[in-house]
Amino acid sequence: MTEKIKNTSPLSNGQKFILVALIGAILTIFIGSFLYRMKSSGLVVEVHQEQRGGQGGPMGMMGVDMDQLRELMRKMEQNPNDPQVLVELANTFMMMQAWDKALEYVTLAAKAAPDDLNVNKAMGMVRFERKEYPEAKKAFDMVLKKDPDDVLGHYNMGVLLKHYMNKPAEGDVHFRRVVQLNPKDQDVLKGAQEELAAPAPK
């Protein structure tokens, strides 16, 4: 699936099958995961999976609830510009490390909701993984403008500035803010403390 999305027309049956199969395989691995660390980069991503009540529908491919997948597909067909659905798809492709495809969906989401917090978080991560660091910084700037106390926004900005944009002093400002905010996530807090204790990168 390398073609870019050029319009918002309903998906063909073949496209639906391919997308359902792809999402189903990935969600099987990642359902129930709310936080995962990009170990290769040091950045942290918060991924929200929509939780639904009840006992669920019939289990299909690899134990995936097919009713949930059909619901996602229906939502996308009914409103192809729904930023929440587009970000969910972008997150799915990020889990696959399919950064080009993730960028397609998050770009559509950004067009529909340019100021949305979750859209900009996803955009920052995708741009970072594509090594588009100025664009990643712009997205994280939007996150922190929207929510100045966003812990992961400060942490990710610190990593980006200190280790990838050669601005260690500016990066440490964000790590200090993480420590001040005293997040419940002890891994993030410890990571910020270690960054502040470590010597500046050469």
C-alpha atoms as a PDB file:
ATOM      1  CA  MET A   1       0.000   0.000   0.000  1.00  0.00           C
ATOM      2  CA  THR A   2       2.283   2.756  -1.290  1.00  0.00           C
ATOM      3  CA  GLU A   3      -0.214   4.952  -3.087  1.00  0.00           C
ATOM      4  CA  LYS A   4      -1.135   8.258  -1.515  1.00  0.00           C
ATOM      5  CA  ILE A   5      -4.699   9.121  -0.544  1.00  0.00           C
ATOM      6  CA  LYS A   6      -5.871  11.593  -3.190  1.00  0.00           C
ATOM      7  CA  ASN A   7      -9.541  11.943  -2.387  1.00  0.00           C
ATOM      8  CA  THR A   8     -12.187  11.174   0.209  1.00  0.00           C
ATOM      9  CA  SER A   9     -14.376   8.902  -1.918  1.00  0.00           C
ATOM     10  CA  PRO A  10     -15.651   5.678  -0.284  1.00  0.00           C
ATOM     11  CA  LEU A  11     -13.215   2.789  -0.276  1.00  0.00           C
ATOM     12  CA  SER A  12     -13.693  -0.106  -2.685  1.00  0.00           C
ATOM     13  CA  ASN A  13     -14.340  -3.577  -1.299  1.00  0.00           C
ATOM     14  CA  GLY A  14     -10.770  -4.570  -2.118  1.00  0.00           C
ATOM     15  CA  GLN A  15      -9.348  -1.555  -0.330  1.00  0.00           C
ATOM     16  CA  LYS A  16     -11.598  -2.226   2.672  1.00  0.00           C
ATOM     17  CA  PHE A  17     -10.365  -5.816   2.894  1.00  0.00           C
ATOM     18  CA  ILE A  18      -6.703  -4.818   2.706  1.00  0.00           C
ATOM     19  CA  LEU A  19      -7.102  -2.064   5.303  1.00  0.00           C
ATOM     20  CA  VAL A  20      -9.131  -4.240   7.655  1.00  0.00           C
ATOM     21  CA  ALA A  21      -6.583  -7.029   7.394  1.00  0.00           C
ATOM     22  CA  LEU A  22      -3.707  -4.653   8.036  1.00  0.00           C
ATOM     23  CA  ILE A  23      -5.313  -2.879  10.971  1.00  0.00           C
ATOM     24  CA  GLY A  24      -6.499  -6.177  12.406  1.00  0.00           C
ATOM     25  CA  ALA A  25      -3.030  -7.691  12.385  1.00  0.00           C
ATOM     26  CA  ILE A  26      -1.507  -4.643  14.037  1.00  0.00           C
ATOM     27  CA  LEU A  27      -4.225  -4.128  16.633  1.00  0.00           C
ATOM     28  CA  THR A  28      -3.859  -7.770  17.658  1.00  0.00           C
ATOM     29  CA  ILE A  29      -0.332  -6.992  18.735  1.00  0.00           C
ATOM     30  CA  PHE A  30      -0.978  -3.596  20.270  1.00  0.00           C
ATOM     31  CA  ILE A  31      -4.509  -3.662  21.764  1.00  0.00           C
ATOM     32  CA  GLY A  32      -4.410  -2.663  25.396  1.00  0.00           C
ATOM     33  CA  SER A  33      -1.200  -0.677  24.984  1.00  0.00           C
ATOM     34  CA  PHE A  34      -1.468   2.896  26.174  1.00  0.00           C
ATOM     35  CA  LEU A  35       2.184   3.909  26.346  1.00  0.00           C
ATOM     36  CA  TYR A  36       5.192   2.721  24.446  1.00  0.00           C
ATOM     37  CA  ARG A  37       8.721   4.063  24.267  1.00  0.00           C
ATOM     38  CA  MET A  38      10.539   4.650  21.010  1.00  0.00           C
ATOM     39  CA  LYS A  39      13.716   3.039  22.368  1.00  0.00           C
ATOM     40  CA  SER A  40      15.840   3.882  19.369  1.00  0.00           C
ATOM     41  CA  SER A  41      15.192   7.621  19.701  1.00  0.00           C
ATOM     42  CA  GLY A  42      14.373   8.256  23.343  1.00  0.00           C
ATOM     43  CA  LEU A  43      11.081   9.928  22.457  1.00  0.00           C
ATOM     44  CA  VAL A  44       7.876   8.818  24.124  1.00  0.00           C
ATOM     45  CA  VAL A  45       4.522   8.383  22.438  1.00  0.00           C
ATOM     46  CA  GLU A  46       1.147   8.173  24.108  1.00  0.00           C
ATOM     47  CA  VAL A  47      -1.229   5.962  22.159  1.00  0.00           C
ATOM     48  CA  HIS A  48      -4.897   5.747  23.094  1.00  0.00           C
ATOM     49  CA  GLN A  49      -6.972   2.782  21.963  1.00  0.00           C
ATOM     50  CA  GLU A  50     -10.703   3.394  22.083  1.00  0.00           C
ATOM     51  CA  GLN A  51     -12.304   1.137  24.674  1.00  0.00           C
ATOM     52  CA  ARG A  52     -15.845  -0.110  24.164  1.00  0.00           C
ATOM     53  CA  GLY A  53     -18.179  -1.669  26.648  1.00  0.00           C
ATOM     54  CA  GLY A  54     -19.959  -4.978  26.356  1.00  0.00           C
ATOM     55  CA  GLN A  55     -18.661  -8.383  25.461  1.00  0.00           C
ATOM     56  CA  GLY A  56     -17.621  -7.417  21.959  1.00  0.00           C
ATOM     57  CA  GLY A  57     -18.420  -8.979  18.657  1.00  0.00           C
ATOM     58  CA  PRO A  58     -17.271 -12.121  16.887  1.00  0.00           C
ATOM     59  CA  MET A  59     -13.562 -12.714  16.862  1.00  0.00           C
ATOM     60  CA  GLY A  60     -12.018 -12.859  13.418  1.00  0.00           C
ATOM     61  CA  MET A  61      -8.459 -12.715  12.148  1.00  0.00           C
ATOM     62  CA  MET A  62      -5.901 -13.519  14.859  1.00  0.00           C
ATOM     63  CA  GLY A  63      -8.456 -12.902  17.610  1.00  0.00           C
ATOM     64  CA  VAL A  64      -9.369  -9.357  16.551  1.00  0.00           C
ATOM     65  CA  ASP A  65     -12.888  -8.130  17.317  1.00  0.00           C
ATOM     66  CA  MET A  66     -14.250  -7.651  13.811  1.00  0.00           C
ATOM     67  CA  ASP A  67     -17.117  -5.485  15.028  1.00  0.00           C
ATOM     68  CA  GLN A  68     -14.629  -2.930  16.308  1.00  0.00           C
ATOM     69  CA  LEU A  69     -12.779  -2.915  13.008  1.00  0.00           C
ATOM     70  CA  ARG A  70     -16.010  -2.543  11.042  1.00  0.00           C
ATOM     71  CA  GLU A  71     -16.978   0.340  13.292  1.00  0.00           C
ATOM     72  CA  LEU A  72     -13.712   2.096  12.541  1.00  0.00           C
ATOM     73  CA  MET A  73     -14.206   1.557   8.826  1.00  0.00           C
ATOM     74  CA  ARG A  74     -17.764   2.874   8.999  1.00  0.00           C
ATOM     75  CA  LYS A  75     -16.575   5.976  10.799  1.00  0.00           C
ATOM     76  CA  MET A  76     -13.967   6.656   8.152  1.00  0.00           C
ATOM     77  CA  GLU A  77     -16.502   6.158   5.353  1.00  0.00           C
ATOM     78  CA  GLN A  78     -19.097   8.351   7.022  1.00  0.00           C
ATOM     79  CA  ASN A  79     -16.651  11.155   7.754  1.00  0.00           C
ATOM     80  CA  PRO A  80     -13.309  10.817   5.955  1.00  0.00           C
ATOM     81  CA  ASN A  81     -12.150  14.077   7.553  1.00  0.00           C
ATOM     82  CA  ASP A  82     -12.678  12.978  11.174  1.00  0.00           C
ATOM     83  CA  PRO A  83      -9.328  13.833  12.822  1.00  0.00           C
ATOM     84  CA  GLN A  84      -9.806  11.289  15.610  1.00  0.00           C
ATOM     85  CA  VAL A  85     -10.185   8.412  13.164  1.00  0.00           C
ATOM     86  CA  LEU A  86      -7.314   9.682  11.013  1.00  0.00           C
ATOM     87  CA  VAL A  87      -5.010   9.964  14.022  1.00  0.00           C
ATOM     88  CA  GLU A  88      -5.975   6.440  15.092  1.00  0.00           C
ATOM     89  CA  LEU A  89      -4.983   5.183  11.665  1.00  0.00           C
ATOM     90  CA  ALA A  90      -1.776   7.226  11.783  1.00  0.00           C
ATOM     91  CA  ASN A  91      -0.943   5.723  15.174  1.00  0.00           C
ATOM     92  CA  THR A  92      -1.513   2.246  13.769  1.00  0.00           C
ATOM     93  CA  PHE A  93       0.999   2.859  10.992  1.00  0.00           C
ATOM     94  CA  MET A  94       3.423   4.415  13.480  1.00  0.00           C
ATOM     95  CA  MET A  95       3.312   1.166  15.442  1.00  0.00           C
ATOM     96  CA  MET A  96       4.327  -0.553  12.207  1.00  0.00           C
ATOM     97  CA  GLN A  97       7.071   2.027  11.721  1.00  0.00           C
ATOM     98  CA  ALA A  98       5.455   2.770   8.357  1.00  0.00           C
ATOM     99  CA  TRP A  99       6.277   6.442   8.675  1.00  0.00           C
ATOM    100  CA  ASP A 100       5.388   7.502   5.125  1.00  0.00           C
ATOM    101  CA  LYS A 101       1.901   6.035   5.409  1.00  0.00           C
ATOM    102  CA  ALA A 102       1.476   7.481   8.894  1.00  0.00           C
ATOM    103  CA  LEU A 103       2.378  10.898   7.490  1.00  0.00           C
ATOM    104  CA  GLU A 104      -0.387  10.625   4.894  1.00  0.00           C
ATOM    105  CA  TYR A 105      -3.055  10.101   7.536  1.00  0.00           C
ATOM    106  CA  VAL A 106      -1.732  12.636  10.027  1.00  0.00           C
ATOM    107  CA  THR A 107      -1.451  15.226   7.243  1.00  0.00           C
ATOM    108  CA  LEU A 108      -5.126  14.693   6.444  1.00  0.00           C
ATOM    109  CA  ALA A 109      -5.905  15.041  10.140  1.00  0.00           C
ATOM    110  CA  ALA A 110      -3.881  18.266  10.316  1.00  0.00           C
ATOM    111  CA  LYS A 111      -5.850  19.724   7.423  1.00  0.00           C
ATOM    112  CA  ALA A 112      -9.101  18.909   9.214  1.00  0.00           C
ATOM    113  CA  ALA A 113      -7.979  20.038  12.701  1.00  0.00           C
ATOM    114  CA  PRO A 114      -4.691  21.987  12.583  1.00  0.00           C
ATOM    115  CA  ASP A 115      -4.839  23.021  16.263  1.00  0.00           C
ATOM    116  CA  ASP A 116      -5.809  19.623  17.687  1.00  0.00           C
ATOM    117  CA  LEU A 117      -3.459  18.486  20.455  1.00  0.00           C
ATOM    118  CA  ASN A 118      -3.371  14.806  19.477  1.00  0.00           C
ATOM    119  CA  VAL A 119      -2.910  15.634  15.810  1.00  0.00           C
ATOM    120  CA  ASN A 120       0.147  17.722  16.579  1.00  0.00           C
ATOM    121  CA  LYS A 121       1.567  15.062  18.904  1.00  0.00           C
ATOM    122  CA  ALA A 122       1.290  12.500  16.133  1.00  0.00           C
ATOM    123  CA  MET A 123       2.705  14.921  13.574  1.00  0.00           C
ATOM    124  CA  GLY A 124       5.718  15.595  15.786  1.00  0.00           C
ATOM    125  CA  MET A 125       6.477  11.900  16.126  1.00  0.00           C
ATOM    126  CA  VAL A 126       6.082  11.164  12.433  1.00  0.00           C
ATOM    127  CA  ARG A 127       8.232  14.114  11.410  1.00  0.00           C
ATOM    128  CA  PHE A 128      10.869  13.116  13.933  1.00  0.00           C
ATOM    129  CA  GLU A 129      11.083   9.550  12.671  1.00  0.00           C
ATOM    130  CA  ARG A 130      11.404  10.888   9.119  1.00  0.00           C
ATOM    131  CA  LYS A 131      14.344  12.973  10.394  1.00  0.00           C
ATOM    132  CA  GLU A 132      12.459  16.162   9.576  1.00  0.00           C
ATOM    133  CA  TYR A 133      13.537  17.824  12.797  1.00  0.00           C
ATOM    134  CA  PRO A 134      12.470  21.451  12.158  1.00  0.00           C
ATOM    135  CA  GLU A 135       8.987  20.227  11.223  1.00  0.00           C
ATOM    136  CA  ALA A 136       8.927  17.999  14.331  1.00  0.00           C
ATOM    137  CA  LYS A 137       9.842  20.987  16.493  1.00  0.00           C
ATOM    138  CA  LYS A 138       7.076  23.034  14.913  1.00  0.00           C
ATOM    139  CA  ALA A 139       4.546  20.328  15.794  1.00  0.00           C
ATOM    140  CA  PHE A 140       5.774  20.027  19.394  1.00  0.00           C
ATOM    141  CA  ASP A 141       5.678  23.834  19.657  1.00  0.00           C
ATOM    142  CA  MET A 142       1.992  23.618  18.761  1.00  0.00           C
ATOM    143  CA  VAL A 143       1.460  20.980  21.460  1.00  0.00           C
ATOM    144  CA  LEU A 144       3.060  23.147  24.136  1.00  0.00           C
ATOM    145  CA  LYS A 145       1.236  26.246  22.938  1.00  0.00           C
ATOM    146  CA  LYS A 146      -2.034  24.376  23.353  1.00  0.00           C
ATOM    147  CA  ASP A 147      -1.039  22.803  26.681  1.00  0.00           C
ATOM    148  CA  PRO A 148       2.018  24.392  28.347  1.00  0.00           C
ATOM    149  CA  ASP A 149       2.027  21.638  30.988  1.00  0.00           C
ATOM    150  CA  ASP A 150       2.030  18.683  28.605  1.00  0.00           C
ATOM    151  CA  VAL A 151       4.680  16.408  30.101  1.00  0.00           C
ATOM    152  CA  LEU A 152       5.389  14.349  26.998  1.00  0.00           C
ATOM    153  CA  GLY A 153       5.473  17.499  24.893  1.00  0.00           C
ATOM    154  CA  HIS A 154       8.260  18.886  27.090  1.00  0.00           C
ATOM    155  CA  TYR A 155      10.085  15.563  27.268  1.00  0.00           C
ATOM    156  CA  ASN A 156      10.002  15.013  23.514  1.00  0.00           C
ATOM    157  CA  MET A 157      11.025  18.600  22.825  1.00  0.00           C
ATOM    158  CA  GLY A 158      13.947  18.158  25.209  1.00  0.00           C
ATOM    159  CA  VAL A 159      15.158  15.046  23.403  1.00  0.00           C
ATOM    160  CA  LEU A 160      14.725  16.687  20.017  1.00  0.00           C
ATOM    161  CA  LEU A 161      16.576  19.886  20.915  1.00  0.00           C
ATOM    162  CA  LYS A 162      19.359  18.308  22.961  1.00  0.00           C
ATOM    163  CA  HIS A 163      20.231  15.285  20.867  1.00  0.00           C
ATOM    164  CA  TYR A 164      19.087  16.072  17.334  1.00  0.00           C
ATOM    165  CA  MET A 165      19.210  19.856  16.912  1.00  0.00           C
ATOM    166  CA  ASN A 166      22.416  20.593  18.864  1.00  0.00           C
ATOM    167  CA  LYS A 167      20.678  22.805  21.419  1.00  0.00           C
ATOM    168  CA  PRO A 168      21.430  21.129  24.753  1.00  0.00           C
ATOM    169  CA  ALA A 169      20.739  24.180  26.914  1.00  0.00           C
ATOM    170  CA  GLU A 170      17.304  24.662  25.356  1.00  0.00           C
ATOM    171  CA  GLY A 171      16.615  20.954  25.693  1.00  0.00           C
ATOM    172  CA  ASP A 172      17.449  21.009  29.393  1.00  0.00           C
ATOM    173  CA  VAL A 173      14.878  23.770  29.922  1.00  0.00           C
ATOM    174  CA  HIS A 174      12.211  21.305  28.874  1.00  0.00           C
ATOM    175  CA  PHE A 175      13.647  18.485  30.987  1.00  0.00           C
ATOM    176  CA  ARG A 176      13.599  20.770  34.027  1.00  0.00           C
ATOM    177  CA  ARG A 177       9.957  21.514  33.304  1.00  0.00           C
ATOM    178  CA  VAL A 178       9.207  17.777  33.243  1.00  0.00           C
ATOM    179  CA  VAL A 179      10.793  17.419  36.693  1.00  0.00           C
ATOM    180  CA  GLN A 180       8.801  20.413  37.969  1.00  0.00           C
ATOM    181  CA  LEU A 181       5.581  18.861  36.724  1.00  0.00           C
ATOM    182  CA  ASN A 182       6.456  15.641  38.613  1.00  0.00           C
ATOM    183  CA  PRO A 183       4.590  13.253  36.274  1.00  0.00           C
ATOM    184  CA  LYS A 184       3.068  10.010  37.502  1.00  0.00           C
ATOM    185  CA  ASP A 185       4.970   8.141  34.808  1.00  0.00           C
ATOM    186  CA  GLN A 186       8.173   7.370  36.682  1.00  0.00           C
ATOM    187  CA  ASP A 187      10.020   6.352  33.510  1.00  0.00           C
ATOM    188  CA  VAL A 188       9.495   9.790  31.997  1.00  0.00           C
ATOM    189  CA  LEU A 189      10.468  11.521  35.238  1.00  0.00           C
ATOM    190  CA  LYS A 190      13.588   9.383  35.609  1.00  0.00           C
ATOM    191  CA  GLY A 191      14.519   9.993  31.991  1.00  0.00           C
ATOM    192  CA  ALA A 192      14.326  13.780  32.466  1.00  0.00           C
ATOM    193  CA  GLN A 193      16.382  13.587  35.658  1.00  0.00           C
ATOM    194  CA  GLU A 194      19.041  11.516  33.939  1.00  0.00           C
ATOM    195  CA  GLU A 195      19.177  13.981  31.062  1.00  0.00           C
ATOM    196  CA  LEU A 196      19.783  16.845  33.488  1.00  0.00           C
ATOM    197  CA  ALA A 197      22.483  14.917  35.340  1.00  0.00           C
ATOM    198  CA  ALA A 198      24.313  13.821  32.196  1.00  0.00           C
ATOM    199  CA  PRO A 199      27.086  15.917  30.649  1.00  0.00           C
ATOM    200  CA  ALA A 200      26.122  17.966  27.627  1.00  0.00           C
ATOM    201  CA  PRO A 201      26.526  16.068  24.334  1.00  0.00           C
ATOM    202  CA  LYS A 202      29.597  16.979  22.322  1.00  0.00           C
END
